[in-house]
Amino acid sequence: MNNYFEHTFGLRGRVACITGSASGLGLAIARQLGQAGARIVINDLDAGRCQASVQQLASEGIDARYAVFDVSQAEAVGSAMEQLATDGWAPDILVSNAGNQNRKAVTEMTLAQWQSLFNVHVNGAFNCAHAVLPHMVKKGFGRIILMSSVAGQACMPGIAAYASAKGAVAAFTRALAVEYGAAGITSNALAPGFVRTAFTQGLQERDGFDSFLETAVPLGRWAEADEIAPAVVYLASKAGSFVNGHVLAIDGGMLARM
């Protein structure tokens, strides 16, 4: 049985780069990919937080290092990926998880604020994929996992920019799948529902939001980061090798409810 799981879900010999992974959902994903055997590249904007996360993973027996870069800056992403390749850490698995949020009505949002979300979510996904694809194509293997959202398929007031960006990420996922599937590279996205992390702290503190979730989500609660991360292990492993161009909703059934 252990041999089966190692063969089907094991990631030994792979390198996984997870953007926005010094904490929260990104760190949970990094940990579970590491537990499956992958070497882990932690990315975030702050070197101190990255170093602390790498040390935490190392204490758990996970081989990890970090790369500090802003996903919205193409040159910084490219330089970081080139350095990783030089050091023998070129990513076989990319998890584009870095994100930002700005909850405002459309008429209250400036163009710069709107563009900021696209710069991180959409341009960030493009910059990272653009940087890792040549190595993956040369190797004949790659796993690209982008982070969309249920907000890319259904919306609530105040998140037009976020929802639009996440919808674009889903479309980009399908485009990558079509363009690079023949090269041995699968591209998929996750569409999480409401996950209890620092990213959603504002919603966690909003009066009545827990009651809203009890009604809107058939499972009646928040998701935890550790409930999202296993899907990344699946998509990155041999188990998910024929899944390509899919956007997987992990939302407790919220999108299924009328």
Protein backbone atom coordinates (compact mmCIF):
# COMPACT_ATOMS: atom_id res chain seq x y z
CA MET A 1 0.00 0.00 0.00
CA ASN A 2 2.81 2.41 0.82
CA ASN A 3 4.43 1.65 -2.54
CA TYR A 4 1.14 2.45 -4.25
CA PHE A 5 0.87 5.87 -2.63
CA GLU A 6 4.53 6.67 -3.29
CA HIS A 7 4.15 5.66 -6.94
CA THR A 8 0.84 7.47 -7.46
CA PHE A 9 1.09 10.56 -5.28
CA GLY A 10 4.80 10.81 -4.52
CA LEU A 11 6.78 13.81 -5.77
CA ARG A 12 10.31 12.74 -4.95
CA GLY A 13 12.77 14.26 -7.41
CA ARG A 14 10.47 17.19 -8.24
CA VAL A 15 10.93 20.85 -7.39
CA ALA A 16 7.84 22.92 -6.56
CA CYS A 17 7.76 26.73 -6.48
CA ILE A 18 4.77 28.18 -4.67
CA THR A 19 4.30 31.94 -4.91
CA GLY A 20 2.91 33.84 -1.95
CA SER A 21 3.83 30.94 0.32
CA ALA A 22 5.41 32.43 3.44
CA SER A 23 2.10 31.94 5.25
CA GLY A 24 -1.53 30.94 4.88
CA LEU A 25 -2.78 28.80 2.03
CA GLY A 26 0.52 29.02 0.16
CA LEU A 27 2.48 27.64 3.12
CA ALA A 28 -0.06 24.84 3.60
CA ILE A 29 0.38 23.89 -0.06
CA ALA A 30 4.18 24.06 0.26
CA ARG A 31 4.11 21.82 3.32
CA GLN A 32 1.96 19.14 1.72
CA LEU A 33 3.97 19.13 -1.51
CA GLY A 34 7.08 18.76 0.64
CA GLN A 35 5.53 15.93 2.61
CA ALA A 36 4.91 14.20 -0.72
CA GLY A 37 8.65 14.39 -1.41
CA ALA A 38 9.14 17.54 -3.50
CA ARG A 39 11.85 20.07 -2.84
CA ILE A 40 10.16 23.37 -2.05
CA VAL A 41 10.82 26.95 -3.16
CA ILE A 42 9.05 29.42 -0.88
CA ASN A 43 8.30 32.80 -2.43
CA ASP A 44 7.02 36.01 -0.93
CA LEU A 45 7.91 39.70 -0.79
CA ASP A 46 9.63 39.67 2.61
CA ALA A 47 12.91 37.78 3.04
CA GLY A 48 12.49 37.44 6.80
CA ARG A 49 9.10 35.77 6.50
CA CYS A 50 10.40 33.51 3.73
CA GLN A 51 13.40 32.47 5.83
CA ALA A 52 11.21 31.72 8.83
CA SER A 53 8.92 29.53 6.71
CA VAL A 54 11.89 27.65 5.20
CA GLN A 55 13.25 27.01 8.68
CA GLN A 56 9.84 25.78 9.80
CA LEU A 57 9.63 23.36 6.86
CA ALA A 58 13.22 22.21 7.43
CA SER A 59 12.35 21.37 11.04
CA GLU A 60 9.69 19.05 9.61
CA GLY A 61 12.20 17.29 7.37
CA ILE A 62 11.30 19.14 4.16
CA ASP A 63 14.08 20.30 1.82
CA ALA A 64 13.29 23.95 1.12
CA ARG A 65 14.80 27.26 0.08
CA TYR A 66 13.32 30.64 -0.75
CA ALA A 67 13.29 33.18 -3.56
CA VAL A 68 12.13 36.72 -2.90
CA PHE A 69 10.43 38.40 -5.84
CA ASP A 70 7.29 40.32 -6.78
CA VAL A 71 5.25 38.20 -9.18
CA SER A 72 3.99 41.33 -10.95
CA GLN A 73 7.54 42.26 -11.99
CA ALA A 74 8.49 40.18 -15.03
CA GLU A 75 12.24 40.85 -14.85
CA ALA A 76 12.39 39.93 -11.16
CA VAL A 77 10.49 36.70 -11.80
CA GLY A 78 12.72 35.80 -14.74
CA SER A 79 15.92 36.49 -12.81
CA ALA A 80 14.75 34.42 -9.86
CA MET A 81 13.83 31.46 -12.06
CA GLU A 82 17.16 31.64 -13.89
CA GLN A 83 19.00 31.57 -10.57
CA LEU A 84 16.98 28.59 -9.40
CA ALA A 85 17.80 26.74 -12.61
CA THR A 86 21.51 27.56 -12.22
CA ASP A 87 21.40 26.14 -8.70
CA GLY A 88 19.65 22.95 -9.81
CA TRP A 89 16.27 24.05 -8.48
CA ALA A 90 14.36 24.76 -11.70
CA PRO A 91 10.68 24.22 -10.87
CA ASP A 92 8.92 21.17 -12.28
CA ILE A 93 5.79 22.31 -10.47
CA LEU A 94 4.55 25.90 -10.36
CA VAL A 95 1.78 26.93 -7.98
CA SER A 96 0.80 30.53 -8.71
CA ASN A 97 -0.79 31.43 -5.39
CA ALA A 98 0.25 35.05 -4.73
CA GLY A 99 -2.70 37.38 -4.51
CA ASN A 100 -4.10 40.66 -3.24
CA GLN A 101 -7.55 42.04 -2.54
CA ASN A 102 -9.33 45.39 -2.47
CA ARG A 103 -13.01 45.21 -1.58
CA LYS A 104 -14.63 48.27 -3.14
CA ALA A 105 -17.62 49.03 -5.32
CA VAL A 106 -16.74 49.68 -8.96
CA THR A 107 -17.58 53.39 -8.73
CA GLU A 108 -15.36 53.77 -5.66
CA MET A 109 -12.34 52.04 -7.19
CA THR A 110 -9.67 53.88 -9.14
CA LEU A 111 -8.16 52.48 -12.31
CA ALA A 112 -4.85 52.03 -10.47
CA GLN A 113 -6.57 49.98 -7.75
CA TRP A 114 -8.32 47.88 -10.37
CA GLN A 115 -5.07 47.36 -12.25
CA SER A 116 -3.22 46.40 -9.06
CA LEU A 117 -5.29 43.22 -8.73
CA PHE A 118 -4.73 42.30 -12.37
CA ASN A 119 -1.00 42.97 -12.00
CA VAL A 120 -0.70 40.40 -9.22
CA HIS A 121 -3.29 37.75 -10.10
CA VAL A 122 -3.23 37.76 -13.91
CA ASN A 123 0.12 39.27 -14.87
CA GLY A 124 1.72 37.40 -11.96
CA ALA A 125 0.43 34.08 -13.28
CA PHE A 126 1.64 34.96 -16.77
CA ASN A 127 5.08 36.10 -15.57
CA CYS A 128 5.65 32.92 -13.58
CA ALA A 129 4.37 30.57 -16.27
CA HIS A 130 6.37 32.43 -18.91
CA ALA A 131 9.53 31.98 -16.84
CA VAL A 132 9.16 28.27 -16.03
CA LEU A 133 7.74 26.98 -19.30
CA PRO A 134 11.03 26.82 -21.27
CA HIS A 135 12.56 24.48 -18.68
CA MET A 136 9.41 22.38 -18.55
CA VAL A 137 9.23 22.13 -22.35
CA LYS A 138 12.88 21.12 -22.54
CA LYS A 139 12.36 18.46 -19.88
CA GLY A 140 9.07 17.24 -21.35
CA PHE A 141 7.35 17.50 -18.00
CA GLY A 142 5.61 20.22 -16.04
CA ARG A 143 2.72 20.88 -13.71
CA ILE A 144 1.24 24.38 -13.63
CA ILE A 145 -1.42 25.02 -11.00
CA LEU A 146 -2.95 28.48 -10.90
CA MET A 147 -5.19 29.90 -8.21
CA SER A 148 -8.58 31.01 -9.43
CA SER A 149 -11.58 31.32 -7.10
CA VAL A 150 -15.28 30.65 -6.87
CA ALA A 151 -15.43 34.43 -7.34
CA GLY A 152 -14.39 33.81 -10.95
CA GLN A 153 -17.70 32.00 -11.47
CA ALA A 154 -20.08 33.75 -9.06
CA CYS A 155 -19.83 37.12 -7.36
CA MET A 156 -20.85 39.24 -4.41
CA PRO A 157 -20.81 43.04 -4.04
CA GLY A 158 -17.47 44.78 -3.67
CA ILE A 159 -15.15 42.32 -5.41
CA ALA A 160 -15.57 43.14 -9.11
CA ALA A 161 -11.83 43.53 -9.70
CA TYR A 162 -10.95 40.35 -7.82
CA ALA A 163 -13.69 38.35 -9.54
CA SER A 164 -12.68 39.62 -12.97
CA ALA A 165 -9.03 38.79 -12.34
CA LYS A 166 -9.85 35.29 -11.10
CA GLY A 167 -12.04 34.71 -14.15
CA ALA A 168 -9.09 35.71 -16.34
CA VAL A 169 -6.85 33.26 -14.45
CA ALA A 170 -9.31 30.45 -15.23
CA ALA A 171 -9.22 31.38 -18.93
CA PHE A 172 -5.42 31.52 -18.89
CA THR A 173 -5.37 28.05 -17.34
CA ARG A 174 -7.33 26.64 -20.26
CA ALA A 175 -5.10 28.45 -22.76
CA LEU A 176 -1.95 26.98 -21.20
CA ALA A 177 -3.50 23.51 -21.21
CA VAL A 178 -4.23 23.70 -24.92
CA GLU A 179 -0.89 25.23 -25.90
CA TYR A 180 1.44 23.06 -23.82
CA GLY A 181 -0.34 19.78 -23.19
CA ALA A 182 1.50 18.11 -26.08
CA ALA A 183 4.79 19.06 -24.41
CA GLY A 184 3.97 16.95 -21.35
CA ILE A 185 2.79 19.91 -19.29
CA THR A 186 -0.57 19.96 -17.55
CA SER A 187 -2.20 23.21 -16.50
CA ASN A 188 -5.06 23.37 -14.04
CA ALA A 189 -6.52 25.79 -11.52
CA LEU A 190 -8.16 25.63 -8.14
CA ALA A 191 -11.23 27.68 -7.34
CA PRO A 192 -11.42 27.71 -3.54
CA GLY A 193 -14.40 29.00 -1.67
CA PHE A 194 -14.01 30.91 1.59
CA VAL A 195 -10.84 29.74 3.32
CA ARG A 196 -10.01 30.78 6.89
CA THR A 197 -6.61 32.51 6.49
CA ALA A 198 -5.19 35.99 7.08
CA PHE A 199 -6.24 36.83 3.51
CA THR A 200 -9.91 36.63 4.54
CA GLN A 201 -9.50 38.23 7.97
CA GLY A 202 -11.76 41.13 7.03
CA LEU A 203 -14.60 38.75 6.16
CA GLN A 204 -14.02 36.71 9.29
CA GLU A 205 -14.54 39.87 11.34
CA ARG A 206 -17.60 41.04 9.39
CA ASP A 207 -20.83 40.84 11.37
CA GLY A 208 -23.11 38.15 10.07
CA PHE A 209 -20.64 36.58 7.66
CA ASP A 210 -20.41 33.29 9.53
CA SER A 211 -24.20 33.09 9.40
CA PHE A 212 -24.07 33.78 5.67
CA LEU A 213 -21.67 30.86 5.19
CA GLU A 214 -23.91 28.56 7.21
CA THR A 215 -26.64 29.25 4.68
CA ALA A 216 -24.67 29.67 1.44
CA VAL A 217 -22.29 26.72 1.86
CA PRO A 218 -23.96 23.29 2.09
CA LEU A 219 -21.20 22.16 4.49
CA GLY A 220 -22.08 25.21 6.57
CA ARG A 221 -18.59 26.49 7.44
CA TRP A 222 -15.25 27.99 6.39
CA ALA A 223 -12.66 25.85 4.64
CA GLU A 224 -9.28 25.38 6.28
CA ALA A 225 -6.07 25.72 4.26
CA ASP A 226 -5.18 22.07 4.84
CA GLU A 227 -8.39 21.09 3.06
CA ILE A 228 -7.35 22.91 -0.13
CA ALA A 229 -3.71 21.85 -0.33
CA PRO A 230 -4.25 18.10 -1.04
CA ALA A 231 -5.79 18.97 -4.42
CA VAL A 232 -2.47 20.52 -5.43
CA VAL A 233 -0.62 17.32 -4.51
CA TYR A 234 -3.10 15.36 -6.63
CA LEU A 235 -2.74 17.63 -9.66
CA ALA A 236 1.06 17.68 -9.37
CA SER A 237 1.39 13.90 -9.02
CA LYS A 238 1.02 10.95 -11.37
CA ALA A 239 -2.53 10.57 -10.05
CA GLY A 240 -3.54 13.77 -11.85
CA SER A 241 -1.50 13.24 -15.00
CA PHE A 242 -4.53 13.21 -17.35
CA VAL A 243 -6.25 16.20 -15.76
CA ASN A 244 -5.59 19.22 -17.97
CA GLY A 245 -7.40 22.52 -18.44
CA HIS A 246 -9.68 21.97 -15.45
CA VAL A 247 -10.79 24.49 -12.83
CA LEU A 248 -11.54 22.57 -9.64
CA ALA A 249 -13.96 24.24 -7.24
CA ILE A 250 -13.25 23.38 -3.59
CA ASP A 251 -16.10 25.28 -2.02
CA GLY A 252 -18.10 22.99 0.23
CA GLY A 253 -20.82 22.84 -2.44
CA MET A 254 -21.48 26.59 -2.58
CA LEU A 255 -21.61 26.81 -6.40
CA ALA A 256 -23.99 23.84 -6.51
CA ARG A 257 -26.66 25.64 -4.48
CA MET A 258 -29.49 27.55 -6.18
